[in-house]
Every structure is written in C-alpha cells, then in structure tokens.
Amino acid sequence: MKNKRLIKYIISTVLLLLIPLIAMQFTNQVNWAPSDFIVAAILLLSTGFAIDFVIKKVWTKKYRITLSAIIVVMLLLVWAELAVGIFGTPLSGS
C-alpha cells in the first residue's frame, strides 16, 4: 500500500512538472532552470506527503480538511514567493 501511494505522488509530481517543461518548448516566457524543477518537485512531494500524514493521523473530517487546506495555502505562498517575491524575502526569484 505504501509503494502505491509513493508511486502516485511521484507520477502526479512528474505530470505537473511536465506542464512547464512542455510550455518551455513553445514560448520564451516560461524559462525554468533544472534547479527550478528540483525545487518544485520537492515542494510538491512534501505537500503530498504532509497531506497524506494528516489524512492518516487526524480522525475528524473537519480537521483533516482544515489542515489540508492550510498545507495547500502554505505551498501556494512559498511557490509565489519563490516565483515573484511577494513578501520580499532573499529567497524571491525576482
């Protein structure tokens, strides 16, 4: 069962990362370096594992949904900060 989940997370991550890879073939506006793909893969996989952990350990449906939503919002905030620097930290991509 664990291996099936791991494979699902990896396949999902690869499919999501194919979007910018394919877009790079058609436009110059998408310009990802290999390190961008690595960071994105780490973010997506860690988000998947964190949500899986919440689903396994939290028994109340209300708390599962709330914690999963918080994890997804955190992913989006980190992704936006790395992409365009909305908070102005030294990690920003602009």
C-alpha atoms as a PDB file:
ATOM      1  CA  MET A   1       0.000   0.000   0.000  1.00  0.00           C
ATOM      2  CA  LYS A   2       2.837   2.409   0.836  1.00  0.00           C
ATOM      3  CA  ASN A   3       4.519   1.825  -2.504  1.00  0.00           C
ATOM      4  CA  LYS A   4       1.303   2.559  -4.394  1.00  0.00           C
ATOM      5  CA  ARG A   5       0.946   5.906  -2.620  1.00  0.00           C
ATOM      6  CA  LEU A   6       4.561   6.778  -3.251  1.00  0.00           C
ATOM      7  CA  ILE A   7       4.196   5.922  -6.932  1.00  0.00           C
ATOM      8  CA  LYS A   8       1.013   8.007  -7.158  1.00  0.00           C
ATOM      9  CA  TYR A   9       2.778  11.021  -5.610  1.00  0.00           C
ATOM     10  CA  ILE A  10       5.746  10.689  -7.933  1.00  0.00           C
ATOM     11  CA  ILE A  11       3.588  10.278 -11.035  1.00  0.00           C
ATOM     12  CA  SER A  12       1.433  13.251 -10.041  1.00  0.00           C
ATOM     13  CA  THR A  13       4.524  15.382  -9.480  1.00  0.00           C
ATOM     14  CA  VAL A  14       6.030  14.390 -12.818  1.00  0.00           C
ATOM     15  CA  LEU A  15       2.764  15.137 -14.636  1.00  0.00           C
ATOM     16  CA  LEU A  16       2.531  18.569 -13.016  1.00  0.00           C
ATOM     17  CA  LEU A  17       6.141  19.339 -13.881  1.00  0.00           C
ATOM     18  CA  LEU A  18       5.538  18.357 -17.486  1.00  0.00           C
ATOM     19  CA  ILE A  19       3.351  21.457 -17.856  1.00  0.00           C
ATOM     20  CA  PRO A  20       6.199  23.994 -17.611  1.00  0.00           C
ATOM     21  CA  LEU A  21       8.545  21.653 -19.484  1.00  0.00           C
ATOM     22  CA  ILE A  22       6.171  21.494 -22.447  1.00  0.00           C
ATOM     23  CA  ALA A  23       5.423  25.223 -22.205  1.00  0.00           C
ATOM     24  CA  MET A  24       9.154  25.938 -22.466  1.00  0.00           C
ATOM     25  CA  GLN A  25       9.120  24.310 -25.904  1.00  0.00           C
ATOM     26  CA  PHE A  26       6.540  26.748 -27.254  1.00  0.00           C
ATOM     27  CA  THR A  27       7.272  30.088 -25.580  1.00  0.00           C
ATOM     28  CA  ASN A  28      10.177  32.062 -24.180  1.00  0.00           C
ATOM     29  CA  GLN A  29       8.035  33.362 -21.322  1.00  0.00           C
ATOM     30  CA  VAL A  30       8.480  30.115 -19.393  1.00  0.00           C
ATOM     31  CA  ASN A  31      12.149  29.749 -18.570  1.00  0.00           C
ATOM     32  CA  TRP A  32      12.848  27.205 -15.853  1.00  0.00           C
ATOM     33  CA  ALA A  33      16.319  26.039 -14.920  1.00  0.00           C
ATOM     34  CA  PRO A  34      16.936  22.470 -13.745  1.00  0.00           C
ATOM     35  CA  SER A  35      17.109  23.760 -10.173  1.00  0.00           C
ATOM     36  CA  ASP A  36      13.584  25.171 -10.569  1.00  0.00           C
ATOM     37  CA  PHE A  37      12.290  21.719 -11.445  1.00  0.00           C
ATOM     38  CA  ILE A  38      14.084  20.196  -8.457  1.00  0.00           C
ATOM     39  CA  VAL A  39      12.685  22.769  -6.025  1.00  0.00           C
ATOM     40  CA  ALA A  40       9.182  22.394  -7.478  1.00  0.00           C
ATOM     41  CA  ALA A  41       9.394  18.605  -7.198  1.00  0.00           C
ATOM     42  CA  ILE A  42      10.493  18.856  -3.559  1.00  0.00           C
ATOM     43  CA  LEU A  43       7.652  21.269  -2.770  1.00  0.00           C
ATOM     44  CA  LEU A  44       5.011  19.133  -4.491  1.00  0.00           C
ATOM     45  CA  LEU A  45       6.198  15.853  -2.999  1.00  0.00           C
ATOM     46  CA  SER A  46       6.486  17.272   0.510  1.00  0.00           C
ATOM     47  CA  THR A  47       2.987  18.731   0.209  1.00  0.00           C
ATOM     48  CA  GLY A  48       1.639  15.360  -0.872  1.00  0.00           C
ATOM     49  CA  PHE A  49       3.357  13.568   1.992  1.00  0.00           C
ATOM     50  CA  ALA A  50       2.180  16.181   4.512  1.00  0.00           C
ATOM     51  CA  ILE A  51      -1.430  15.850   3.381  1.00  0.00           C
ATOM     52  CA  ASP A  52      -1.114  12.066   3.443  1.00  0.00           C
ATOM     53  CA  PHE A  53       0.199  12.295   7.011  1.00  0.00           C
ATOM     54  CA  VAL A  54      -2.770  14.462   8.002  1.00  0.00           C
ATOM     55  CA  ILE A  55      -5.214  12.040   6.399  1.00  0.00           C
ATOM     56  CA  LYS A  56      -3.670   9.083   8.239  1.00  0.00           C
ATOM     57  CA  LYS A  57      -3.284  10.684  11.679  1.00  0.00           C
ATOM     58  CA  VAL A  58      -6.260  13.046  12.034  1.00  0.00           C
ATOM     59  CA  TRP A  59      -9.581  11.319  12.554  1.00  0.00           C
ATOM     60  CA  THR A  60     -12.005  14.239  12.443  1.00  0.00           C
ATOM     61  CA  LYS A  61     -13.058  15.127   8.902  1.00  0.00           C
ATOM     62  CA  LYS A  62     -13.339  18.822   9.751  1.00  0.00           C
ATOM     63  CA  TYR A  63      -9.745  18.962  10.996  1.00  0.00           C
ATOM     64  CA  ARG A  64      -8.486  16.944   8.027  1.00  0.00           C
ATOM     65  CA  ILE A  65      -9.979  19.420   5.606  1.00  0.00           C
ATOM     66  CA  THR A  66      -8.752  22.416   7.586  1.00  0.00           C
ATOM     67  CA  LEU A  67      -5.191  21.131   7.949  1.00  0.00           C
ATOM     68  CA  SER A  68      -5.036  20.039   4.316  1.00  0.00           C
ATOM     69  CA  ALA A  69      -6.234  23.473   3.203  1.00  0.00           C
ATOM     70  CA  ILE A  70      -3.587  25.132   5.380  1.00  0.00           C
ATOM     71  CA  ILE A  71      -0.897  22.932   3.821  1.00  0.00           C
ATOM     72  CA  VAL A  72      -2.051  23.816   0.303  1.00  0.00           C
ATOM     73  CA  VAL A  73      -2.136  27.549   1.137  1.00  0.00           C
ATOM     74  CA  MET A  74       1.392  27.280   2.532  1.00  0.00           C
ATOM     75  CA  LEU A  75       2.510  25.593  -0.688  1.00  0.00           C
ATOM     76  CA  LEU A  76       0.964  28.370  -2.769  1.00  0.00           C
ATOM     77  CA  LEU A  77       2.560  31.095  -0.634  1.00  0.00           C
ATOM     78  CA  VAL A  78       6.017  29.530  -0.844  1.00  0.00           C
ATOM     79  CA  TRP A  79       5.597  28.958  -4.582  1.00  0.00           C
ATOM     80  CA  ALA A  80       4.549  32.570  -5.136  1.00  0.00           C
ATOM     81  CA  GLU A  81       7.439  33.849  -3.032  1.00  0.00           C
ATOM     82  CA  LEU A  82       9.937  31.799  -4.988  1.00  0.00           C
ATOM     83  CA  ALA A  83       8.395  32.832  -8.308  1.00  0.00           C
ATOM     84  CA  VAL A  84       7.911  36.571  -7.916  1.00  0.00           C
ATOM     85  CA  GLY A  85       8.854  37.551  -4.383  1.00  0.00           C
ATOM     86  CA  ILE A  86       5.527  38.778  -2.990  1.00  0.00           C
ATOM     87  CA  PHE A  87       6.992  39.181   0.501  1.00  0.00           C
ATOM     88  CA  GLY A  88      10.414  40.493  -0.491  1.00  0.00           C
ATOM     89  CA  THR A  89      12.498  37.836   1.243  1.00  0.00           C
ATOM     90  CA  PRO A  90      16.004  36.964  -0.033  1.00  0.00           C
ATOM     91  CA  LEU A  91      14.525  33.744  -1.475  1.00  0.00           C
ATOM     92  CA  SER A  92      12.460  35.557  -4.094  1.00  0.00           C
ATOM     93  CA  GLY A  93      13.031  34.777  -7.705  1.00  0.00           C
ATOM     94  CA  SER A  94      12.874  38.338  -8.969  1.00  0.00           C
END
